Amino acid sequence: MKKLLAIVLALCLALSLAACGGGSGSSAPAASTPADAGSTPAVEPAAWDGDVPVQIGPDPETIDPALNSAVDGANMIITAFECLLLVDEDYSIIPGQAESYEISDDQLTYTFHLRDGLKWSDGSDLTANDFVYAWKRVADPEVAAPYADTVLWMVKGFDEAMAGDKDALAVSAPDDKTFVVELSTPCPYFLSLAAFATLSPVCEAVVSQNPDTWAVNPETYVSNGPFHVTEWVPGERIVMSRNENYNGGWDKSKIVADTLTFLLIEDSSAAYTAYNSGTSLFIKDVPTDEIPSLTPADQGGDFYVDAMAGTYYISLNTQKEPFTDPNVRKALSLAIDREYVASVLMQGTYAPAYNFVGPGITDDDGTTPFMDKANGGKPYISEDYEANLAEAKQLLADAGYPDGEGFPTITYSTNDAGYHKVLAEYLQQVWQDELGITLNIDVVEWSSFTPQRRAGNYEIARNGWVCDYNDPTNLLELLETGNGNNDGKYSSAVFDGALADARATTDPAERFAALHKAEDAAMNDAAMIPVAYYADFWLQSPSLQGVWHSAYGYWYLQYAHVA
């Protein structure tokens, strides 16, 4: 079977990566590199005309800060907007729109002091009331922000806001330059949230007048970051121009590009052609069948691979039969040879995932990896594939489907990018050959894929999450009952209770013990199927300077220029 799949991989069409989540954090995993063969260099532009063309992905689902939950949209949002705080290249929290802040002794009140003379890109004044409006908007159930629970659960009045009284959220503006947040319980990573794209300010005067269309029209997409949208041609490009009204944490003297052009290319072969012709100086969607021929950056090439704090996983709709049965979910999980998937199908760019929370996330001491203390120091899923496969067959029989007899035909939903389709074809074959289960593959266009999955209109679907900050809750909360990003609709009183216990204590050891208990419950229930730990890989022209990559899935483009 492995030989057959290797041949299929060699013949597969060019694919590209698209992942969920976006972020800021405090610790970067080390970079890695794959192949050592030569690559065809991109054709450089004869002279820089002030534009920096890049390819981050196709048309984003949304670039509304409150509604976005995908990496491509997040990369655009952090270029156009700026939060109270920022995360710099060294993963330090630095001033953004707020030049300073204070934290009360009980760690329940945060007071942010905004810079003088803040402006929106249209020249109007930006005040603390815009932050009040934006944060309450995220908590408004009518808006249905996917990240609402994740970024605001700790703010006093959040439950009342989510029940319909958004004004109950304890955020206020005593004056135009002061923004105050009151918490119901201390949150050790709250400053990271104040730097997170979802909590960007939005211009109340514009958004309130155009609630459904403001974020799709350059004329109403008013922002406060170093660049602002000046053109959007769906399916072709989003152009951002330097914001002359910008006043924030980034060094304005280093913002030299006139425009950033995001080329909206979904097909990785087309992206690769654009790169090699010099039309794009950067592409995120690299055809995976080209990887063996590319030269790593640390060997003088233009191909980069950087480990990330994130997990590629499979969501099962736990509200639909037969996925309501944990034994079925476990059987499907254990039948996957993760080492083969990571080393062969994913060409060594990703690492096999035997836990849900993976590398880059630390435990209570801030240095020990969370995964090292999980499950008594052992992976939740054994690395012994043959033993796993035997257990999978027994679990399926225990669920009433010996050798797959009587098991319904099931459908796996994915978008055709990166390793997604290759993995889908592997699952189709291994679940058929080893478990007797017939799997159909439903390839969905990217713009429709995440809304369909979030709504629960699927049976099984590829999923993934790149952490937004260095805390295990950022992944674990995806499995909490009612969370806007709980695509599998998993619900467990044990799991939810463990998360509640973690939130109720200020003792780090107790908090992390509760978080480990939560992961224990999720993995025991096979609430999702971890497959691999993420890495980003991309091509970047040597002439493109000033860009850096975050282990939490962002490329920072504000200082981009062509040398």
Protein backbone atom coordinates (compact mmCIF):
# COMPACT_ATOMS: atom_id res chain seq x y z
CA MET A 1 0.00 0.00 0.00
CA LYS A 2 2.83 2.41 0.87
CA LYS A 3 4.54 1.86 -2.47
CA LEU A 4 1.27 2.53 -4.29
CA LEU A 5 0.69 5.72 -2.33
CA ALA A 6 4.23 6.90 -3.01
CA ILE A 7 3.54 6.55 -6.73
CA VAL A 8 0.26 8.42 -6.33
CA LEU A 9 2.11 11.19 -4.51
CA ALA A 10 4.71 11.46 -7.26
CA LEU A 11 1.98 11.84 -9.86
CA CYS A 12 -0.34 14.13 -7.92
CA LEU A 13 -1.08 17.61 -9.13
CA ALA A 14 0.60 20.59 -7.47
CA LEU A 15 -1.06 21.46 -4.19
CA SER A 16 -0.63 24.16 -1.54
CA LEU A 17 -1.12 24.78 2.18
CA ALA A 18 -4.06 26.56 3.82
CA ALA A 19 -4.42 26.41 7.58
CA CYS A 20 -6.67 27.79 10.24
CA GLY A 21 -5.78 30.07 13.10
CA GLY A 22 -3.35 32.98 13.14
CA GLY A 23 -1.40 34.55 15.83
CA SER A 24 1.06 36.08 18.18
CA GLY A 25 3.06 34.38 20.85
CA SER A 26 6.21 34.34 22.89
CA SER A 27 8.44 31.52 21.72
CA ALA A 28 9.54 30.44 18.25
CA PRO A 29 10.33 26.81 17.41
CA ALA A 30 13.55 26.21 15.52
CA ALA A 31 13.58 26.29 11.74
CA SER A 32 14.10 23.14 9.67
CA THR A 33 15.01 22.51 6.04
CA PRO A 34 14.14 19.70 3.62
CA ALA A 35 15.83 19.08 0.27
CA ASP A 36 19.29 20.03 -1.00
CA ALA A 37 18.74 20.08 -4.77
CA GLY A 38 18.85 23.21 -6.92
CA SER A 39 15.83 25.36 -7.77
CA THR A 40 14.96 27.70 -10.60
CA PRO A 41 15.44 31.26 -9.34
CA ALA A 42 12.60 33.74 -9.71
CA VAL A 43 12.91 36.41 -12.36
CA GLU A 44 13.51 39.66 -10.52
CA PRO A 45 11.85 42.93 -11.56
CA ALA A 46 14.21 45.25 -13.41
CA ALA A 47 13.62 48.06 -10.92
CA TRP A 48 11.52 48.42 -7.83
CA ASP A 49 8.47 50.57 -8.49
CA GLY A 50 7.43 50.74 -4.84
CA ASP A 51 5.07 47.73 -4.98
CA VAL A 52 5.64 44.44 -3.14
CA PRO A 53 3.63 41.60 -4.73
CA VAL A 54 3.04 38.54 -2.52
CA GLN A 55 0.81 35.47 -2.54
CA ILE A 56 -0.60 34.49 0.84
CA GLY A 57 -3.67 32.62 -0.42
CA PRO A 58 -6.83 32.95 -2.51
CA ASP A 59 -9.77 35.23 -1.77
CA PRO A 60 -10.10 35.21 2.03
CA GLU A 61 -13.37 34.18 3.61
CA THR A 62 -13.32 37.54 5.39
CA ILE A 63 -10.96 40.31 6.45
CA ASP A 64 -13.31 41.57 9.14
CA PRO A 65 -11.19 41.29 12.33
CA ALA A 66 -14.17 40.05 14.36
CA LEU A 67 -15.16 37.34 11.89
CA ASN A 68 -11.85 36.03 10.62
CA SER A 69 -10.48 32.70 11.85
CA ALA A 70 -8.04 31.80 9.06
CA VAL A 71 -4.34 32.48 8.54
CA ASP A 72 -4.65 34.14 5.12
CA GLY A 73 -7.21 36.66 6.34
CA ALA A 74 -5.22 37.25 9.52
CA ASN A 75 -2.08 38.11 7.54
CA MET A 76 -4.01 40.80 5.71
CA ILE A 77 -5.69 42.10 8.87
CA ILE A 78 -2.42 42.60 10.78
CA THR A 79 -1.12 44.63 7.85
CA ALA A 80 -4.17 46.91 7.79
CA PHE A 81 -4.98 47.11 11.51
CA GLU A 82 -3.14 47.64 14.78
CA CYS A 83 -4.26 46.52 18.24
CA LEU A 84 -3.58 48.08 21.61
CA LEU A 85 -0.31 46.14 21.72
CA LEU A 86 1.95 44.40 19.19
CA VAL A 87 4.23 41.37 19.10
CA ASP A 88 7.66 42.09 17.65
CA GLU A 89 10.16 39.89 15.84
CA ASP A 90 11.59 38.68 19.17
CA TYR A 91 8.10 37.69 20.41
CA SER A 92 8.07 40.52 22.93
CA ILE A 93 4.89 42.47 23.68
CA ILE A 94 5.46 46.09 22.65
CA PRO A 95 3.27 49.23 22.52
CA GLY A 96 0.84 49.49 19.63
CA GLN A 97 -2.01 51.97 19.60
CA ALA A 98 -1.53 52.13 23.37
CA GLU A 99 1.76 53.75 24.35
CA SER A 100 1.51 52.43 27.91
CA TYR A 101 -0.70 50.43 30.28
CA GLU A 102 -1.16 49.59 33.95
CA ILE A 103 -2.36 46.41 35.65
CA SER A 104 -4.06 46.54 39.02
CA ASP A 105 -2.55 44.64 41.95
CA ASP A 106 -5.30 42.02 41.79
CA GLN A 107 -4.65 41.61 38.01
CA LEU A 108 -8.30 42.27 37.26
CA THR A 109 -8.14 45.77 35.76
CA TYR A 110 -6.08 46.77 32.73
CA THR A 111 -5.84 50.46 31.86
CA PHE A 112 -4.45 51.32 28.42
CA HIS A 113 -3.30 54.83 27.50
CA LEU A 114 -3.58 55.57 23.79
CA ARG A 115 -1.08 57.59 21.79
CA ASP A 116 -1.72 61.22 20.95
CA GLY A 117 -3.26 62.04 17.60
CA LEU A 118 -4.44 58.60 16.50
CA LYS A 119 -6.22 58.62 13.13
CA TRP A 120 -8.13 56.23 10.93
CA SER A 121 -6.95 55.79 7.36
CA ASP A 122 -9.68 58.20 6.21
CA GLY A 123 -8.22 60.92 8.44
CA SER A 124 -10.92 60.85 11.13
CA ASP A 125 -10.00 60.64 14.82
CA LEU A 126 -9.53 57.25 16.45
CA THR A 127 -10.48 57.25 20.13
CA ALA A 128 -10.83 54.81 23.00
CA ASN A 129 -14.53 54.56 22.18
CA ASP A 130 -13.60 52.76 18.94
CA PHE A 131 -11.98 50.03 21.04
CA VAL A 132 -15.07 49.85 23.25
CA TYR A 133 -17.24 49.46 20.16
CA ALA A 134 -14.96 46.85 18.58
CA TRP A 135 -14.65 44.67 21.69
CA LYS A 136 -18.39 44.76 22.36
CA ARG A 137 -18.96 43.88 18.71
CA VAL A 138 -16.85 40.73 19.15
CA ALA A 139 -19.04 39.79 22.13
CA ASP A 140 -22.28 40.50 20.27
CA PRO A 141 -24.10 37.19 19.55
CA GLU A 142 -25.65 38.82 16.47
CA VAL A 143 -22.14 39.17 15.01
CA ALA A 144 -21.21 35.57 15.91
CA ALA A 145 -17.46 36.13 16.11
CA PRO A 146 -15.75 32.68 16.04
CA TYR A 147 -13.07 33.83 18.48
CA ALA A 148 -15.42 35.50 20.98
CA ASP A 149 -15.07 32.85 23.69
CA THR A 150 -11.32 32.57 23.21
CA VAL A 151 -10.47 36.25 23.50
CA LEU A 152 -13.12 37.58 25.87
CA TRP A 153 -14.25 34.80 28.23
CA MET A 154 -12.23 36.36 31.06
CA VAL A 155 -13.74 39.86 30.72
CA LYS A 156 -16.38 40.72 33.31
CA GLY A 157 -19.89 40.60 31.84
CA PHE A 158 -18.96 38.33 28.94
CA ASP A 159 -21.67 35.75 29.65
CA GLU A 160 -24.31 38.47 29.81
CA ALA A 161 -23.00 39.96 26.57
CA MET A 162 -23.18 36.62 24.80
CA ALA A 163 -26.73 36.23 26.10
CA GLY A 164 -27.71 39.38 24.25
CA ASP A 165 -26.65 42.33 26.42
CA LYS A 166 -23.38 43.34 24.73
CA ASP A 167 -23.18 46.50 26.85
CA ALA A 168 -22.65 44.29 29.91
CA LEU A 169 -19.08 43.66 28.73
CA ALA A 170 -16.82 45.52 31.18
CA VAL A 171 -14.86 47.67 28.73
CA SER A 172 -15.01 51.45 28.97
CA ALA A 173 -13.48 54.72 27.82
CA PRO A 174 -13.25 57.26 30.67
CA ASP A 175 -11.88 59.68 28.07
CA ASP A 176 -10.79 59.62 24.43
CA LYS A 177 -7.30 58.35 25.26
CA THR A 178 -8.05 55.81 27.99
CA PHE A 179 -9.40 52.28 27.52
CA VAL A 180 -10.20 50.16 30.58
CA VAL A 181 -10.88 46.42 30.73
CA GLU A 182 -12.17 44.70 33.87
CA LEU A 183 -11.66 40.95 34.18
CA SER A 184 -13.73 38.49 36.18
CA THR A 185 -10.64 36.35 36.83
CA PRO A 186 -6.91 36.87 36.21
CA CYS A 187 -5.70 35.75 32.80
CA PRO A 188 -1.94 35.16 32.54
CA TYR A 189 -1.88 35.71 28.76
CA PHE A 190 -4.21 38.69 28.56
CA LEU A 191 -1.55 41.03 27.11
CA SER A 192 -1.17 38.61 24.20
CA LEU A 193 -4.90 38.92 23.57
CA ALA A 194 -4.59 42.72 23.59
CA ALA A 195 -2.18 42.21 20.67
CA PHE A 196 -4.41 39.72 18.82
CA ALA A 197 -6.02 40.64 15.51
CA THR A 198 -9.59 39.78 16.53
CA LEU A 199 -9.47 42.64 19.05
CA SER A 200 -8.36 45.25 16.54
CA PRO A 201 -10.33 48.48 16.74
CA VAL A 202 -12.87 49.12 14.00
CA CYS A 203 -14.30 52.48 13.01
CA GLU A 204 -17.77 52.68 14.53
CA ALA A 205 -18.85 55.48 12.18
CA VAL A 206 -18.22 53.26 9.15
CA VAL A 207 -19.05 49.77 10.46
CA SER A 208 -22.34 50.78 12.09
CA GLN A 209 -23.53 52.29 8.81
CA ASN A 210 -22.37 49.33 6.66
CA PRO A 211 -22.50 46.31 9.00
CA ASP A 212 -22.64 43.66 6.27
CA THR A 213 -20.51 45.22 3.54
CA TRP A 214 -17.88 47.46 5.14
CA ALA A 215 -15.16 44.77 5.02
CA VAL A 216 -15.55 43.98 1.30
CA ASN A 217 -15.39 47.49 -0.10
CA PRO A 218 -12.11 49.46 -0.20
CA GLU A 219 -14.04 52.69 0.26
CA THR A 220 -15.42 51.55 3.62
CA TYR A 221 -12.55 49.32 4.75
CA VAL A 222 -11.22 52.01 7.05
CA SER A 223 -8.28 50.80 9.13
CA ASN A 224 -5.57 52.08 11.45
CA GLY A 225 -2.50 50.01 10.56
CA PRO A 226 0.57 50.80 8.44
CA PHE A 227 -1.34 49.99 5.21
CA HIS A 228 -4.95 50.31 4.08
CA VAL A 229 -6.94 48.66 1.29
CA THR A 230 -7.20 50.76 -1.86
CA GLU A 231 -8.22 48.12 -4.41
CA TRP A 232 -9.89 44.73 -4.31
CA VAL A 233 -10.52 42.71 -7.43
CA PRO A 234 -12.02 39.37 -6.30
CA GLY A 235 -10.09 36.43 -7.63
CA GLU A 236 -7.18 38.65 -8.66
CA ARG A 237 -5.72 40.96 -6.02
CA ILE A 238 -6.08 43.05 -2.91
CA VAL A 239 -3.90 46.16 -2.99
CA MET A 240 -2.91 47.91 0.21
CA SER A 241 -1.29 51.34 0.12
CA ARG A 242 0.88 52.93 2.77
CA ASN A 243 -1.31 54.65 5.35
CA GLU A 244 -0.09 58.22 5.65
CA ASN A 245 -2.24 58.65 8.77
CA TYR A 246 -0.59 55.75 10.58
CA ASN A 247 0.66 56.43 14.10
CA GLY A 248 1.52 53.31 16.03
CA GLY A 249 4.11 50.92 17.33
CA TRP A 250 5.93 50.09 14.12
CA ASP A 251 8.82 52.35 13.10
CA LYS A 252 7.32 54.62 10.43
CA SER A 253 10.79 55.35 9.00
CA LYS A 254 11.08 51.68 8.01
CA ILE A 255 7.70 51.54 6.25
CA VAL A 256 8.90 52.30 2.74
CA ALA A 257 6.76 50.27 0.33
CA ASP A 258 4.16 52.33 -1.53
CA THR A 259 1.87 49.32 -1.95
CA LEU A 260 1.55 45.68 -1.00
CA THR A 261 -0.29 43.60 -3.58
CA PHE A 262 -1.81 40.37 -2.30
CA LEU A 263 -2.23 38.15 -5.37
CA LEU A 264 -5.34 36.04 -4.82
CA ILE A 265 -4.15 32.78 -6.33
CA GLU A 266 -5.69 29.50 -5.18
CA ASP A 267 -3.87 27.06 -7.50
CA SER A 268 -0.31 26.44 -6.32
CA SER A 269 0.96 25.76 -9.83
CA ALA A 270 -0.25 29.21 -10.86
CA ALA A 271 1.40 30.67 -7.75
CA TYR A 272 4.67 28.92 -8.64
CA THR A 273 4.51 30.28 -12.17
CA ALA A 274 3.90 33.78 -10.80
CA TYR A 275 6.95 33.41 -8.57
CA ASN A 276 9.27 32.14 -11.28
CA SER A 277 8.18 34.92 -13.63
CA GLY A 278 8.82 37.59 -11.01
CA THR A 279 5.13 38.51 -10.85
CA SER A 280 5.19 37.58 -7.16
CA LEU A 281 8.22 37.92 -4.90
CA PHE A 282 6.78 35.60 -2.27
CA ILE A 283 4.41 32.62 -2.40
CA LYS A 284 2.95 30.72 0.53
CA ASP A 285 1.35 28.06 -1.66
CA VAL A 286 4.29 26.05 -2.97
CA PRO A 287 3.46 22.96 -5.10
CA THR A 288 4.40 20.03 -2.91
CA ASP A 289 5.75 18.02 -5.84
CA GLU A 290 8.33 20.78 -6.44
CA ILE A 291 9.76 20.57 -2.91
CA PRO A 292 12.47 17.97 -3.67
CA SER A 293 13.96 20.29 -6.30
CA LEU A 294 14.10 23.40 -4.11
CA THR A 295 17.19 24.72 -2.34
CA PRO A 296 16.76 25.56 1.37
CA ALA A 297 17.43 29.10 2.46
CA ASP A 298 20.24 28.05 4.81
CA GLN A 299 22.00 26.59 1.76
CA GLY A 300 21.75 29.77 -0.24
CA GLY A 301 18.34 29.07 -1.77
CA ASP A 302 14.94 30.69 -1.56
CA PHE A 303 12.90 27.86 -0.01
CA TYR A 304 12.03 28.32 3.67
CA VAL A 305 10.61 25.85 6.19
CA ASP A 306 9.80 27.06 9.70
CA ALA A 307 8.24 24.99 12.47
CA MET A 308 5.00 26.30 13.93
CA ALA A 309 3.02 25.98 17.14
CA GLY A 310 0.04 24.28 15.57
CA THR A 311 -1.63 20.96 14.86
CA TYR A 312 -3.06 19.52 11.65
CA TYR A 313 -6.04 17.45 12.71
CA ILE A 314 -9.26 15.86 11.50
CA SER A 315 -12.66 16.95 12.79
CA LEU A 316 -15.43 14.40 13.14
CA ASN A 317 -18.97 15.66 13.47
CA THR A 318 -19.74 14.14 16.85
CA GLN A 319 -23.44 14.99 16.45
CA LYS A 320 -23.84 12.62 13.48
CA GLU A 321 -23.91 8.82 13.45
CA PRO A 322 -21.70 6.83 13.56
CA PHE A 323 -19.28 9.47 14.92
CA THR A 324 -21.32 9.78 18.12
CA ASP A 325 -19.54 6.60 19.26
CA PRO A 326 -16.04 7.23 20.75
CA ASN A 327 -14.97 3.73 19.73
CA VAL A 328 -15.61 4.57 16.09
CA ARG A 329 -13.66 7.80 16.39
CA LYS A 330 -10.75 6.02 18.10
CA ALA A 331 -10.71 3.28 15.49
CA LEU A 332 -10.45 5.79 12.66
CA SER A 333 -7.66 7.58 14.50
CA LEU A 334 -5.58 4.53 15.35
CA ALA A 335 -5.72 3.22 11.77
CA ILE A 336 -3.60 6.19 10.62
CA ASP A 337 0.15 5.65 10.28
CA ARG A 338 1.27 9.10 11.36
CA GLU A 339 4.96 8.51 10.78
CA TYR A 340 4.26 7.54 7.19
CA VAL A 341 1.93 10.48 6.67
CA ALA A 342 4.47 12.99 8.00
CA SER A 343 7.65 11.57 6.48
CA VAL A 344 6.33 10.39 3.10
CA LEU A 345 3.06 12.10 2.23
CA MET A 346 4.11 15.38 3.85
CA GLN A 347 7.75 14.92 2.78
CA GLY A 348 9.19 15.54 6.22
CA THR A 349 7.98 19.13 6.33
CA TYR A 350 5.58 18.28 9.18
CA ALA A 351 6.10 16.03 12.22
CA PRO A 352 3.78 13.18 13.32
CA ALA A 353 1.28 14.21 16.02
CA TYR A 354 0.50 11.79 18.83
CA ASN A 355 -1.00 14.48 21.11
CA PHE A 356 -3.33 17.40 20.40
CA VAL A 357 -1.21 20.14 22.01
CA GLY A 358 2.19 19.98 20.36
CA PRO A 359 5.57 21.77 20.19
CA GLY A 360 5.93 25.47 20.92
CA ILE A 361 3.50 25.44 23.86
CA THR A 362 5.07 25.38 27.32
CA ASP A 363 3.88 24.17 30.72
CA ASP A 364 3.59 26.01 34.05
CA ASP A 365 7.32 26.79 34.31
CA GLY A 366 7.34 28.54 30.92
CA THR A 367 10.14 26.35 29.54
CA THR A 368 9.10 22.67 29.70
CA PRO A 369 6.99 21.68 26.68
CA PHE A 370 3.36 21.06 27.63
CA MET A 371 3.44 17.79 25.69
CA ASP A 372 6.30 16.48 27.84
CA LYS A 373 4.05 16.53 30.92
CA ALA A 374 0.95 15.24 29.13
CA ASN A 375 -0.40 11.75 29.82
CA GLY A 376 2.28 10.95 32.39
CA GLY A 377 5.01 11.88 29.93
CA LYS A 378 3.85 9.43 27.24
CA PRO A 379 2.18 10.19 23.90
CA TYR A 380 -1.56 9.64 23.93
CA ILE A 381 -1.29 7.63 20.72
CA SER A 382 1.40 4.96 20.58
CA GLU A 383 4.10 5.20 17.94
CA ASP A 384 3.68 1.41 17.41
CA TYR A 385 1.47 1.46 14.33
CA GLU A 386 0.89 -2.29 14.13
CA ALA A 387 -0.38 -2.34 17.72
CA ASN A 388 -2.56 0.69 16.99
CA LEU A 389 -4.04 -1.03 13.95
CA ALA A 390 -4.91 -4.15 15.92
CA GLU A 391 -6.62 -2.00 18.55
CA ALA A 392 -8.47 -0.05 15.86
CA LYS A 393 -9.96 -3.25 14.44
CA GLN A 394 -11.04 -4.41 17.87
CA LEU A 395 -12.63 -1.02 18.68
CA LEU A 396 -14.57 -1.09 15.43
CA ALA A 397 -15.82 -4.56 16.24
CA ASP A 398 -16.78 -3.39 19.76
CA ALA A 399 -18.79 -0.61 18.14
CA GLY A 400 -20.76 -3.23 16.19
CA TYR A 401 -18.93 -3.08 12.86
CA PRO A 402 -16.56 -6.10 12.67
CA ASP A 403 -14.33 -5.68 9.60
CA GLY A 404 -16.50 -2.72 8.65
CA GLU A 405 -19.67 -4.79 8.21
CA GLY A 406 -22.72 -2.55 8.32
CA PHE A 407 -20.64 0.63 8.54
CA PRO A 408 -22.17 3.35 6.35
CA THR A 409 -20.31 5.01 3.51
CA ILE A 410 -18.83 8.21 4.90
CA THR A 411 -17.65 11.47 3.32
CA TYR A 412 -14.42 13.38 4.00
CA SER A 413 -14.52 17.09 3.18
CA THR A 414 -11.39 19.04 2.30
CA ASN A 415 -10.15 21.89 0.16
CA ASP A 416 -7.70 21.04 -2.60
CA ALA A 417 -4.56 22.60 -1.19
CA GLY A 418 -1.28 21.61 0.44
CA TYR A 419 -1.28 17.99 1.54
CA HIS A 420 -5.03 17.97 2.08
CA LYS A 421 -6.07 15.94 -0.95
CA VAL A 422 -3.08 13.60 -0.68
CA LEU A 423 -4.04 12.87 2.92
CA ALA A 424 -7.68 12.37 1.95
CA GLU A 425 -6.67 9.76 -0.64
CA TYR A 426 -4.50 8.02 1.94
CA LEU A 427 -7.39 7.89 4.42
CA GLN A 428 -9.68 6.58 1.71
CA GLN A 429 -7.31 3.71 1.04
CA VAL A 430 -6.18 2.83 4.57
CA TRP A 431 -9.68 2.90 6.07
CA GLN A 432 -10.93 0.69 3.23
CA ASP A 433 -8.02 -1.78 3.29
CA GLU A 434 -7.62 -2.06 7.05
CA LEU A 435 -11.10 -1.37 8.44
CA GLY A 436 -13.43 -2.18 5.56
CA ILE A 437 -14.85 1.37 5.53
CA THR A 438 -15.76 3.13 2.30
CA LEU A 439 -14.82 6.81 2.22
CA ASN A 440 -15.88 9.36 -0.37
CA ILE A 441 -13.89 12.57 -0.82
CA ASP A 442 -15.68 15.90 -1.18
CA VAL A 443 -13.35 18.65 -2.45
CA VAL A 444 -14.75 22.06 -1.51
CA GLU A 445 -13.62 25.48 -2.75
CA TRP A 446 -11.67 27.34 -0.05
CA SER A 447 -14.09 30.27 0.21
CA SER A 448 -16.90 27.84 1.10
CA PHE A 449 -14.93 25.26 3.04
CA THR A 450 -14.53 26.89 6.47
CA PRO A 451 -18.12 28.24 6.68
CA GLN A 452 -19.42 24.77 5.77
CA ARG A 453 -17.26 23.10 8.40
CA ARG A 454 -18.08 25.67 11.09
CA ALA A 455 -21.80 25.16 10.44
CA GLY A 456 -21.42 21.40 10.90
CA ASN A 457 -22.42 20.61 7.31
CA TYR A 458 -20.02 17.69 6.99
CA GLU A 459 -19.25 14.24 8.42
CA ILE A 460 -15.44 14.25 8.57
CA ALA A 461 -13.23 17.16 7.54
CA ARG A 462 -9.62 18.16 7.55
CA ASN A 463 -8.86 20.85 10.08
CA GLY A 464 -5.92 22.61 11.64
CA TRP A 465 -5.00 25.29 14.10
CA VAL A 466 -1.97 27.51 14.41
CA CYS A 467 -1.75 28.86 17.94
CA ASP A 468 -2.21 32.55 18.53
CA TYR A 469 -0.17 32.69 21.73
CA ASN A 470 1.87 30.43 23.98
CA ASP A 471 -0.85 28.82 26.07
CA PRO A 472 -2.49 25.38 25.69
CA THR A 473 -5.97 26.88 26.08
CA ASN A 474 -5.68 28.29 22.57
CA LEU A 475 -5.97 24.75 21.21
CA LEU A 476 -8.01 23.14 23.97
CA GLU A 477 -10.77 25.75 23.83
CA LEU A 478 -11.52 24.60 20.27
CA LEU A 479 -13.18 21.57 21.87
CA GLU A 480 -15.23 23.40 24.48
CA THR A 481 -19.01 23.18 24.30
CA GLY A 482 -20.36 26.18 22.41
CA ASN A 483 -17.00 27.55 21.26
CA GLY A 484 -17.35 29.28 17.89
CA ASN A 485 -14.44 27.23 16.50
CA ASN A 486 -15.67 23.87 17.84
CA ASP A 487 -16.27 22.47 14.36
CA GLY A 488 -16.70 18.90 15.61
CA LYS A 489 -19.48 19.97 18.03
CA TYR A 490 -17.77 17.92 20.73
CA SER A 491 -19.31 18.28 24.18
CA SER A 492 -18.01 16.73 27.38
CA ALA A 493 -18.86 17.67 30.96
CA VAL A 494 -15.47 16.34 32.10
CA PHE A 495 -13.59 18.37 29.52
CA ASP A 496 -15.60 21.56 30.11
CA GLY A 497 -15.24 21.14 33.86
CA ALA A 498 -11.46 20.84 33.60
CA LEU A 499 -11.26 24.04 31.57
CA ALA A 500 -13.49 25.77 34.11
CA ASP A 501 -11.18 24.61 36.90
CA ALA A 502 -8.17 25.99 35.02
CA ARG A 503 -9.87 29.37 34.72
CA ALA A 504 -10.86 29.46 38.38
CA THR A 505 -7.36 29.21 39.86
CA THR A 506 -4.43 31.63 39.92
CA ASP A 507 -1.98 28.88 40.92
CA PRO A 508 0.06 27.88 37.82
CA ALA A 509 0.56 24.27 38.92
CA GLU A 510 -3.16 23.78 39.58
CA ARG A 511 -4.07 25.52 36.36
CA PHE A 512 -1.86 23.36 34.19
CA ALA A 513 -2.91 20.18 35.99
CA ALA A 514 -6.49 21.03 35.03
CA LEU A 515 -5.45 21.71 31.44
CA HIS A 516 -3.76 18.32 31.25
CA LYS A 517 -6.97 16.76 32.60
CA ALA A 518 -8.87 18.47 29.80
CA GLU A 519 -6.56 17.06 27.14
CA ASP A 520 -6.80 13.63 28.81
CA ALA A 521 -10.59 13.74 28.38
CA ALA A 522 -10.46 14.93 24.77
CA MET A 523 -7.90 12.35 23.69
CA ASN A 524 -9.69 9.54 25.54
CA ASP A 525 -12.88 10.50 23.68
CA ALA A 526 -11.07 11.00 20.34
CA ALA A 527 -12.75 14.40 20.21
CA MET A 528 -10.60 15.03 17.13
CA ILE A 529 -7.84 13.13 15.32
CA PRO A 530 -4.39 14.74 15.55
CA VAL A 531 -2.33 13.95 12.47
CA ALA A 532 0.76 16.16 12.27
CA TYR A 533 2.42 19.21 13.77
CA TYR A 534 2.49 22.14 11.39
CA ALA A 535 5.31 23.89 9.62
CA ASP A 536 5.11 26.77 7.20
CA PHE A 537 6.99 26.53 3.93
CA TRP A 538 7.29 29.21 1.31
CA LEU A 539 9.39 30.69 -1.49
CA GLN A 540 10.81 34.18 -1.02
CA SER A 541 12.90 36.08 -3.51
CA PRO A 542 16.33 37.15 -2.18
CA SER A 543 15.43 40.66 -3.27
CA LEU A 544 12.49 40.82 -0.85
CA GLN A 545 13.77 42.25 2.41
CA GLY A 546 12.30 43.30 5.76
CA VAL A 547 9.77 40.44 6.08
CA TRP A 548 9.75 38.06 9.03
CA HIS A 549 7.75 34.96 9.90
CA SER A 550 6.10 34.14 13.22
CA ALA A 551 5.86 30.63 14.61
CA TYR A 552 2.18 31.45 15.07
CA GLY A 553 1.51 31.70 11.35
CA TYR A 554 2.02 35.35 10.39
CA TRP A 555 4.30 37.00 7.91
CA TYR A 556 4.95 40.58 8.96
CA LEU A 557 5.07 42.71 5.84
CA GLN A 558 5.06 46.24 7.20
CA TYR A 559 8.81 46.71 6.57
CA ALA A 560 8.82 44.88 3.24
CA HIS A 561 10.89 46.37 0.44
CA VAL A 562 12.79 45.24 -2.64
CA ALA A 563 16.57 45.49 -2.47
